C-alpha atoms as a PDB file:
ATOM      1  CA  MET A   1       0.000   0.000   0.000  1.00  0.00           C
ATOM      2  CA  SER A   2       1.384   3.397  -0.991  1.00  0.00           C
ATOM      3  CA  ARG A   3       1.798   6.316   1.404  1.00  0.00           C
ATOM      4  CA  LEU A   4      -1.150   8.115  -0.242  1.00  0.00           C
ATOM      5  CA  GLN A   5      -3.434   5.126   0.218  1.00  0.00           C
ATOM      6  CA  ARG A   6      -2.417   4.786   3.896  1.00  0.00           C
ATOM      7  CA  SER A   7      -3.177   8.458   4.487  1.00  0.00           C
ATOM      8  CA  LYS A   8      -6.649   8.091   2.938  1.00  0.00           C
ATOM      9  CA  ALA A   9      -7.359   5.011   5.083  1.00  0.00           C
ATOM     10  CA  GLN A  10      -6.272   6.806   8.263  1.00  0.00           C
ATOM     11  CA  LEU A  11      -8.486   9.762   7.378  1.00  0.00           C
ATOM     12  CA  ILE A  12     -11.474   7.466   6.864  1.00  0.00           C
ATOM     13  CA  TRP A  13     -10.959   5.740  10.259  1.00  0.00           C
ATOM     14  CA  PHE A  14     -10.495   9.117  11.929  1.00  0.00           C
ATOM     15  CA  ARG A  15     -13.818  10.297  10.543  1.00  0.00           C
ATOM     16  CA  VAL A  16     -15.525   7.052  11.658  1.00  0.00           C
ATOM     17  CA  GLY A  17     -14.106   7.537  15.161  1.00  0.00           C
ATOM     18  CA  LEU A  18     -15.409  11.110  15.308  1.00  0.00           C
ATOM     19  CA  ALA A  19     -18.845   9.918  14.203  1.00  0.00           C
ATOM     20  CA  CYS A  20     -18.933   7.253  16.942  1.00  0.00           C
ATOM     21  CA  VAL A  21     -17.919   9.785  19.587  1.00  0.00           C
ATOM     22  CA  ALA A  22     -20.650  12.124  18.382  1.00  0.00           C
ATOM     23  CA  VAL A  23     -23.286   9.369  18.570  1.00  0.00           C
ATOM     24  CA  VAL A  24     -22.257   8.443  22.111  1.00  0.00           C
ATOM     25  CA  ALA A  25     -22.346  12.105  23.158  1.00  0.00           C
ATOM     26  CA  VAL A  26     -25.864  12.515  21.746  1.00  0.00           C
ATOM     27  CA  VAL A  27     -27.099   9.392  23.569  1.00  0.00           C
ATOM     28  CA  ILE A  28     -25.629  10.603  26.869  1.00  0.00           C
ATOM     29  CA  PHE A  29     -27.189  14.044  26.380  1.00  0.00           C
ATOM     30  CA  ILE A  30     -30.627  12.528  25.705  1.00  0.00           C
ATOM     31  CA  GLN A  31     -30.407  10.328  28.799  1.00  0.00           C
ATOM     32  CA  LEU A  32     -29.493  13.305  30.959  1.00  0.00           C
ATOM     33  CA  GLN A  33     -32.480  15.265  29.664  1.00  0.00           C
ATOM     34  CA  LYS A  34     -35.017  12.542  30.583  1.00  0.00           C
ATOM     35  CA  PRO A  35     -37.014  13.291  33.731  1.00  0.00           C
ATOM     36  CA  LYS A  36     -36.091  11.118  36.660  1.00  0.00           C
ATOM     37  CA  VAL A  37     -38.794   8.569  37.358  1.00  0.00           C
ATOM     38  CA  GLU A  38     -38.957   7.377  40.941  1.00  0.00           C
ATOM     39  CA  GLU A  39     -40.328   3.952  41.515  1.00  0.00           C
ATOM     40  CA  THR A  40     -43.307   3.857  43.841  1.00  0.00           C
ATOM     41  CA  PRO A  41     -42.530   1.557  46.729  1.00  0.00           C
ATOM     42  CA  PRO A  42     -44.930  -1.363  47.025  1.00  0.00           C
ATOM     43  CA  PRO A  43     -47.684  -0.841  49.578  1.00  0.00           C
ATOM     44  CA  ALA A  44     -46.919  -2.202  52.994  1.00  0.00           C
ATOM     45  CA  GLN A  45     -48.443  -5.562  53.597  1.00  0.00           C
ATOM     46  CA  GLN A  46     -51.265  -5.625  56.102  1.00  0.00           C
ATOM     47  CA  GLN A  47     -50.112  -7.035  59.394  1.00  0.00           C
ATOM     48  CA  ALA A  48     -51.648 -10.420  60.055  1.00  0.00           C
ATOM     49  CA  ILE A  49     -54.303 -10.522  62.765  1.00  0.00           C
ATOM     50  CA  ARG A  50     -53.543 -13.157  65.363  1.00  0.00           C
ATOM     51  CA  TYR A  51     -56.336 -15.284  66.771  1.00  0.00           C
ATOM     52  CA  ASP A  52     -56.994 -18.556  68.569  1.00  0.00           C
ATOM     53  CA  ILE A  53     -59.869 -20.960  67.927  1.00  0.00           C
ATOM     54  CA  LEU A  54     -61.387 -21.722  71.327  1.00  0.00           C
ATOM     55  CA  ASN A  55     -64.287 -23.915  70.221  1.00  0.00           C
ATOM     56  CA  ASP A  56     -65.411 -25.633  67.034  1.00  0.00           C
ATOM     57  CA  ILE A  57     -68.903 -27.112  67.307  1.00  0.00           C
ATOM     58  CA  ASP A  58     -69.786 -29.224  64.275  1.00  0.00           C
ATOM     59  CA  GLN A  59     -73.433 -30.275  63.993  1.00  0.00           C
ATOM     60  CA  ALA A  60     -73.465 -31.213  60.318  1.00  0.00           C
ATOM     61  CA  PRO A  61     -75.371 -30.647  58.184  1.00  0.00           C
ATOM     62  CA  ALA A  62     -77.423 -28.211  60.272  1.00  0.00           C
ATOM     63  CA  ARG A  63     -74.800 -25.869  61.659  1.00  0.00           C
ATOM     64  CA  ARG A  64     -71.187 -25.234  62.541  1.00  0.00           C
ATOM     65  CA  MET A  65     -70.120 -22.687  65.141  1.00  0.00           C
ATOM     66  CA  LEU A  66     -66.622 -21.330  65.723  1.00  0.00           C
ATOM     67  CA  GLU A  67     -65.601 -19.383  68.824  1.00  0.00           C
ATOM     68  CA  ILE A  68     -62.465 -17.286  68.345  1.00  0.00           C
ATOM     69  CA  MET A  69     -60.322 -15.101  70.606  1.00  0.00           C
ATOM     70  CA  LEU A  70     -58.765 -12.178  68.748  1.00  0.00           C
ATOM     71  CA  SER A  71     -55.472 -10.663  69.851  1.00  0.00           C
ATOM     72  CA  LYS A  72     -56.957  -7.148  69.744  1.00  0.00           C
ATOM     73  CA  ARG A  73     -59.935  -5.042  68.734  1.00  0.00           C
ATOM     74  CA  ILE A  74     -60.133  -4.652  64.941  1.00  0.00           C
ATOM     75  CA  SER A  75     -62.094  -2.547  62.466  1.00  0.00           C
ATOM     76  CA  GLU A  76     -65.276  -3.731  60.779  1.00  0.00           C
ATOM     77  CA  ARG A  77     -63.422  -4.027  57.459  1.00  0.00           C
ATOM     78  CA  GLU A  78     -60.707  -6.158  59.056  1.00  0.00           C
ATOM     79  CA  LEU A  79     -63.398  -8.267  60.709  1.00  0.00           C
ATOM     80  CA  ALA A  80     -65.047  -8.963  57.351  1.00  0.00           C
ATOM     81  CA  LEU A  81     -61.752  -9.866  55.634  1.00  0.00           C
ATOM     82  CA  LEU A  82     -60.641 -12.118  58.478  1.00  0.00           C
ATOM     83  CA  SER A  83     -64.019 -13.857  58.613  1.00  0.00           C
ATOM     84  CA  HIS A  84     -63.852 -14.618  54.892  1.00  0.00           C
ATOM     85  CA  GLN A  85     -60.380 -16.113  55.317  1.00  0.00           C
ATOM     86  CA  ILE A  86     -61.480 -18.284  58.232  1.00  0.00           C
ATOM     87  CA  ARG A  87     -64.703 -19.308  56.499  1.00  0.00           C
ATOM     88  CA  ASP A  88     -62.856 -20.424  53.372  1.00  0.00           C
ATOM     89  CA  ASN A  89     -60.800 -22.867  55.454  1.00  0.00           C
ATOM     90  CA  TYR A  90     -63.971 -24.867  56.092  1.00  0.00           C
ATOM     91  CA  PRO A  91     -66.605 -26.499  53.854  1.00  0.00           C
ATOM     92  CA  TYR A  92     -69.075 -23.869  55.042  1.00  0.00           C
ATOM     93  CA  GLN A  93     -71.408 -24.379  52.079  1.00  0.00           C
ATOM     94  CA  GLN A  94     -72.275 -27.830  53.426  1.00  0.00           C
ATOM     95  CA  TYR A  95     -74.003 -26.285  56.455  1.00  0.00           C
ATOM     96  CA  LYS A  96     -77.333 -24.523  56.666  1.00  0.00           C
ATOM     97  CA  GLU A  97     -75.842 -22.218  59.294  1.00  0.00           C
ATOM     98  CA  PHE A  98     -72.163 -21.304  59.658  1.00  0.00           C
ATOM     99  CA  SER A  99     -71.228 -18.740  62.304  1.00  0.00           C
ATOM    100  CA  ILE A 100     -68.061 -17.231  63.790  1.00  0.00           C
ATOM    101  CA  SER A 101     -68.246 -15.577  67.223  1.00  0.00           C
ATOM    102  CA  TYR A 102     -65.395 -13.350  68.394  1.00  0.00           C
ATOM    103  CA  LEU A 103     -64.017 -12.465  71.815  1.00  0.00           C
ATOM    104  CA  ILE A 104     -61.382  -9.812  72.581  1.00  0.00           C
ATOM    105  CA  PRO A 105     -59.042  -9.515  75.607  1.00  0.00           C
ATOM    106  CA  ASP A 106     -60.635  -6.201  76.644  1.00  0.00           C
ATOM    107  CA  MET A 107     -63.910  -8.059  77.260  1.00  0.00           C
ATOM    108  CA  SER A 108     -62.450 -11.110  78.990  1.00  0.00           C
ATOM    109  CA  LYS A 109     -64.571 -10.456  82.103  1.00  0.00           C
ATOM    110  CA  SER A 110     -67.717  -9.340  80.301  1.00  0.00           C
ATOM    111  CA  PRO A 111     -70.592 -11.562  79.175  1.00  0.00           C
ATOM    112  CA  GLY A 112     -71.298 -12.099  75.508  1.00  0.00           C
ATOM    113  CA  TYR A 113     -69.250 -11.880  72.319  1.00  0.00           C
ATOM    114  CA  TRP A 114     -67.594  -8.781  70.924  1.00  0.00           C
ATOM    115  CA  ALA A 115     -68.672  -9.614  67.349  1.00  0.00           C
ATOM    116  CA  ARG A 116     -70.514 -12.264  65.397  1.00  0.00           C
ATOM    117  CA  VAL A 117     -70.526 -13.171  61.706  1.00  0.00           C
ATOM    118  CA  GLU A 118     -73.073 -15.506  60.093  1.00  0.00           C
ATOM    119  CA  TYR A 119     -73.069 -17.252  56.725  1.00  0.00           C
ATOM    120  CA  ASN A 120     -76.424 -18.994  56.336  1.00  0.00           C
ATOM    121  CA  GLN A 121     -77.718 -20.689  53.211  1.00  0.00           C
ATOM    122  CA  GLY A 122     -80.055 -18.511  51.183  1.00  0.00           C
ATOM    123  CA  GLU A 123     -79.259 -15.379  53.211  1.00  0.00           C
ATOM    124  CA  PRO A 124     -76.780 -12.515  52.829  1.00  0.00           C
ATOM    125  CA  GLU A 125     -73.844 -12.573  55.203  1.00  0.00           C
ATOM    126  CA  LYS A 126     -74.367 -10.849  58.541  1.00  0.00           C
ATOM    127  CA  ILE A 127     -71.465  -8.984  60.152  1.00  0.00           C
ATOM    128  CA  LYS A 128     -72.269  -7.424  63.504  1.00  0.00           C
ATOM    129  CA  ILE A 129     -70.047  -5.794  66.130  1.00  0.00           C
ATOM    130  CA  LEU A 130     -71.930  -6.373  69.378  1.00  0.00           C
ATOM    131  CA  GLY A 131     -69.464  -4.631  71.683  1.00  0.00           C
ATOM    132  CA  THR A 132     -67.705  -1.300  71.271  1.00  0.00           C
ATOM    133  CA  SER A 133     -66.268  -0.579  67.831  1.00  0.00           C
ATOM    134  CA  ILE A 134     -63.037   1.343  67.242  1.00  0.00           C
ATOM    135  CA  PRO A 135     -64.872   4.544  66.125  1.00  0.00           C
ATOM    136  CA  GLU A 136     -67.138   4.364  69.192  1.00  0.00           C
ATOM    137  CA  LEU A 137     -64.197   3.881  71.535  1.00  0.00           C
ATOM    138  CA  GLN A 138     -62.318   6.791  69.973  1.00  0.00           C
ATOM    139  CA  ALA A 139     -65.426   8.961  70.315  1.00  0.00           C
ATOM    140  CA  PHE A 140     -65.727   8.060  74.016  1.00  0.00           C
ATOM    141  CA  GLN A 141     -62.094   9.024  74.552  1.00  0.00           C
ATOM    142  CA  GLN A 142     -62.573  12.370  72.810  1.00  0.00           C
ATOM    143  CA  THR A 143     -65.699  13.315  74.792  1.00  0.00           C
ATOM    144  CA  GLU A 144     -64.937  15.461  77.819  1.00  0.00           C
ATOM    145  CA  VAL A 145     -66.392  14.779  81.255  1.00  0.00           C
ATOM    146  CA  PRO A 146     -68.816  17.481  82.450  1.00  0.00           C
ATOM    147  CA  PRO A 147     -67.115  19.731  85.021  1.00  0.00           C
ATOM    148  CA  LYS A 148     -68.170  18.398  88.399  1.00  0.00           C
ATOM    149  CA  GLY A 149     -65.223  18.482  90.754  1.00  0.00           C
ATOM    150  CA  GLN A 150     -62.280  16.077  90.834  1.00  0.00           C
ATOM    151  CA  VAL A 151     -62.342  13.000  88.599  1.00  0.00           C
ATOM    152  CA  LEU A 152     -61.456   9.890  90.629  1.00  0.00           C
ATOM    153  CA  GLY A 153     -61.774   7.520  87.700  1.00  0.00           C
ATOM    154  CA  ASP A 154     -63.053   7.193  84.132  1.00  0.00           C
ATOM    155  CA  TRP A 155     -63.917   3.695  82.860  1.00  0.00           C
ATOM    156  CA  LEU A 156     -65.549   1.842  79.992  1.00  0.00           C
ATOM    157  CA  ILE A 157     -67.750  -1.122  80.873  1.00  0.00           C
ATOM    158  CA  GLU A 158     -68.191  -3.341  77.820  1.00  0.00           C
ATOM    159  CA  GLU A 159     -71.173  -5.648  77.798  1.00  0.00           C
ATOM    160  CA  THR A 160     -73.216  -7.035  74.959  1.00  0.00           C
ATOM    161  CA  ALA A 161     -76.222  -7.942  77.107  1.00  0.00           C
ATOM    162  CA  ASN A 162     -76.692  -4.466  78.629  1.00  0.00           C
ATOM    163  CA  ALA A 163     -74.707  -2.410  76.088  1.00  0.00           C
ATOM    164  CA  SER A 164     -71.398  -0.692  76.743  1.00  0.00           C
ATOM    165  CA  ARG A 165     -71.312   2.396  78.904  1.00  0.00           C
ATOM    166  CA  ARG A 166     -68.865   4.951  80.222  1.00  0.00           C
ATOM    167  CA  VAL A 167     -68.692   5.422  83.987  1.00  0.00           C
ATOM    168  CA  VAL A 168     -67.045   8.374  85.757  1.00  0.00           C
ATOM    169  CA  ILE A 169     -66.762   8.853  89.529  1.00  0.00           C
ATOM    170  CA  THR A 170     -66.118  12.397  90.732  1.00  0.00           C
ATOM    171  CA  LYS A 171     -65.737  14.235  94.030  1.00  0.00           C
ATOM    172  CA  ASP A 172     -67.178  17.707  94.491  1.00  0.00           C
ATOM    173  CA  GLN A 173     -67.266  19.635  97.780  1.00  0.00           C
ATOM    174  CA  GLY A 174     -66.934  16.486  99.858  1.00  0.00           C
ATOM    175  CA  LYS A 175     -69.623  14.581  97.939  1.00  0.00           C
ATOM    176  CA  TYR A 176     -69.158  11.728  95.464  1.00  0.00           C
ATOM    177  CA  TYR A 177     -70.986  11.305  92.184  1.00  0.00           C
ATOM    178  CA  TYR A 178     -71.517   8.505  89.697  1.00  0.00           C
ATOM    179  CA  GLN A 179     -71.815   9.757  86.116  1.00  0.00           C
ATOM    180  CA  MET A 180     -72.820   7.429  83.290  1.00  0.00           C
ATOM    181  CA  GLN A 181     -72.902   7.843  79.525  1.00  0.00           C
ATOM    182  CA  TRP A 182     -74.503   5.221  77.258  1.00  0.00           C
ATOM    183  CA  SER A 183     -73.055   6.544  73.990  1.00  0.00           C
ATOM    184  CA  PRO A 184     -70.487   9.203  73.005  1.00  0.00           C
ATOM    185  CA  ASP A 185     -73.228  11.575  71.820  1.00  0.00           C
ATOM    186  CA  SER A 186     -75.538  11.151  74.824  1.00  0.00           C
ATOM    187  CA  GLU A 187     -75.702  13.229  77.990  1.00  0.00           C
ATOM    188  CA  PHE A 188     -74.157  12.095  81.263  1.00  0.00           C
ATOM    189  CA  LYS A 189     -76.592  10.945  83.942  1.00  0.00           C
ATOM    190  CA  SER A 190     -75.436  11.810  87.452  1.00  0.00           C
ATOM    191  CA  GLU A 191     -76.309  10.253  90.794  1.00  0.00           C
ATOM    192  CA  GLU A 192     -74.868  10.799  94.257  1.00  0.00           C
ATOM    193  CA  LEU A 193     -72.778   8.101  95.924  1.00  0.00           C
ATOM    194  CA  LYS A 194     -71.670   7.504  99.489  1.00  0.00           C
ATOM    195  CA  SER A 195     -68.207   6.350 100.483  1.00  0.00           C
ATOM    196  CA  LEU A 196     -67.813   2.906 102.051  1.00  0.00           C
ATOM    197  CA  ALA A 197     -64.014   2.898 102.185  1.00  0.00           C
ATOM    198  CA  GLY A 198     -62.256   6.184 101.514  1.00  0.00           C
ATOM    199  CA  GLU A 199     -62.087   6.921  97.803  1.00  0.00           C
ATOM    200  CA  THR A 200     -61.973   3.322  96.597  1.00  0.00           C
ATOM    201  CA  GLU A 201     -65.394   1.862  97.467  1.00  0.00           C
ATOM    202  CA  PHE A 202     -68.809   3.443  97.047  1.00  0.00           C
ATOM    203  CA  ALA A 203     -72.521   2.715  97.075  1.00  0.00           C
ATOM    204  CA  TYR A 204     -75.581   4.589  95.880  1.00  0.00           C
ATOM    205  CA  GLN A 205     -76.875   7.201  98.283  1.00  0.00           C
ATOM    206  CA  ASP A 206     -80.299   5.770  97.436  1.00  0.00           C
ATOM    207  CA  LYS A 207     -80.599   2.784  99.804  1.00  0.00           C
ATOM    208  CA  SER A 208     -83.009   1.002  97.461  1.00  0.00           C
ATOM    209  CA  LYS A 209     -80.081   0.368  95.096  1.00  0.00           C
ATOM    210  CA  ASP A 210     -77.595  -2.251  96.222  1.00  0.00           C
ATOM    211  CA  THR A 211     -74.763  -1.859  93.681  1.00  0.00           C
ATOM    212  CA  ILE A 212     -71.240  -1.512  95.106  1.00  0.00           C
ATOM    213  CA  PHE A 213     -68.553   0.334  93.117  1.00  0.00           C
ATOM    214  CA  LYS A 214     -65.003  -0.701  93.988  1.00  0.00           C
ATOM    215  CA  ILE A 215     -61.821   0.700  92.451  1.00  0.00           C
ATOM    216  CA  GLN A 216     -59.220  -2.074  92.239  1.00  0.00           C
ATOM    217  CA  GLU A 217     -55.464  -1.662  92.687  1.00  0.00           C
ATOM    218  CA  ASN A 218     -54.929  -2.208  88.950  1.00  0.00           C
ATOM    219  CA  GLY A 219     -57.276   0.686  88.182  1.00  0.00           C
ATOM    220  CA  ASP A 220     -60.290  -1.390  87.128  1.00  0.00           C
ATOM    221  CA  LEU A 221     -63.761  -0.646  88.477  1.00  0.00           C
ATOM    222  CA  GLU A 222     -65.816  -3.584  89.758  1.00  0.00           C
ATOM    223  CA  LEU A 223     -69.588  -3.413  90.060  1.00  0.00           C
ATOM    224  CA  SER A 224     -71.088  -5.980  92.413  1.00  0.00           C
ATOM    225  CA  GLY A 225     -74.461  -6.844  93.892  1.00  0.00           C
ATOM    226  CA  PRO A 226     -75.948  -9.518  96.164  1.00  0.00           C
ATOM    227  CA  ASP A 227     -74.826 -12.235  93.729  1.00  0.00           C
ATOM    228  CA  GLY A 228     -71.258 -10.946  93.366  1.00  0.00           C
ATOM    229  CA  VAL A 229     -69.403  -9.038  90.655  1.00  0.00           C
ATOM    230  CA  PHE A 230     -71.551  -8.472  87.568  1.00  0.00           C
ATOM    231  CA  ALA A 231     -69.485  -5.950  85.573  1.00  0.00           C
ATOM    232  CA  VAL A 232     -65.890  -4.746  85.252  1.00  0.00           C
ATOM    233  CA  GLY A 233     -64.732  -1.475  83.728  1.00  0.00           C
ATOM    234  CA  HIS A 234     -61.242  -0.750  82.404  1.00  0.00           C
ATOM    235  CA  PRO A 235     -59.739   2.780  82.546  1.00  0.00           C
ATOM    236  CA  LEU A 236     -60.799   4.581  79.383  1.00  0.00           C
ATOM    237  CA  ASN A 237     -57.350   6.107  78.799  1.00  0.00           C
ATOM    238  CA  ALA A 238     -55.762   2.635  78.896  1.00  0.00           C
ATOM    239  CA  TYR A 239     -57.333   1.613  75.587  1.00  0.00           C
ATOM    240  CA  GLN A 240     -54.873   1.961  72.703  1.00  0.00           C
ATOM    241  CA  VAL A 241     -56.667   1.975  69.371  1.00  0.00           C
ATOM    242  CA  SER A 242     -56.041   3.362  65.921  1.00  0.00           C
ATOM    243  CA  GLY A 243     -58.225   3.521  62.851  1.00  0.00           C
ATOM    244  CA  GLU A 244     -57.305   2.146  59.444  1.00  0.00           C
END
C-alpha cells in the first residue's frame, strides 16, 4: 500500500471515530435530559391478625359454630376480611348455618361476644359488632367529662347484654358522684354516691339500690351486687386503638 493510500485510510478511520464519539455524546445528552422517574414503593403488607380458635362445634349438616379469641380489637373491614379467610378454610357451604363468634381480651370479664358473623344458606352474610367498635371507643375518649369536681376515675364497661357504657366517679365539695354515659353523643346521667371505704369503694346514696362500686389496685372498676361481681370497667385512657 502506498503512502497516499495509507493516508486516505487513516483519514477514513479518523472520521468514523469522530462519528462514533458524536453518537455516544448525543445518547448521553438525551439520557441526561429525561425526567427522573422514581419507583413507587410497594404498599406495605397488612399485618396479620392473630387469633386462637377456642371452640369448634360441628353439627353437620345443620350448623357449625366457631368461637375465636382475637389478639386485639379490629375494624369492621378487618373483621369482614378475616371472617372470609377463616370461612374459606372450612366447607361452610355444606351447612345450613355457619357462624363465627369473636371475643377480645378487653372483654375477657364481660358476658357475651364482641362480634358475630353468620353465613347462612339462602341469606346474605351478617357482620355485627356487638361490643364497642373502634370509632365508638375513639369517640368516648374524645368526649370530655362534664365539670363536676375532681375525677377519681373514668372507665368503659363493655357488655353485649346491657350495652357498653362509660362510667365516671367524681368528688365535688366532699360529695361523690356517679356519672354514666350510654353513647359518646348522649348526655351524662349523674347520681350521688356515698363512700364505704375512703375513695376506693362506694354505694348509691339511694338505699333502694344495692350496687357496690369498687376501684381495684390495677385501676379497674368492679360493680357488684348480692350475687357478686356483675361488671368490670377498664380505665378509658388505657385503651390503645387506631383507625385504618
